């Protein structure tokens, strides 16, 4: 559980946006916090990626991803035949 104070202006903005989005103020704040934490984590991942790029062995796996589909499955169907 978190509890924190915000300015009256921010509290009013939260109430307005919660009404516009049809959600509870707590849900709006929870979602906003989650999105911000995800953004911060991705920025940290980017920093680590630049400091520690893939080794040649790790990068070798990326060529496998470029192979694509091994067979043509375009006519595949879930229907029993």
Foldseek 3Di string as FASTA:
>chain_A
DDDDDDDPVVVVVLVVVCVVVVHDSVVVVVVVVVVVVVVVVVVVVVVVCVVDPDDPVVVVVVVVVVPPDPDDCVVPDPDDD
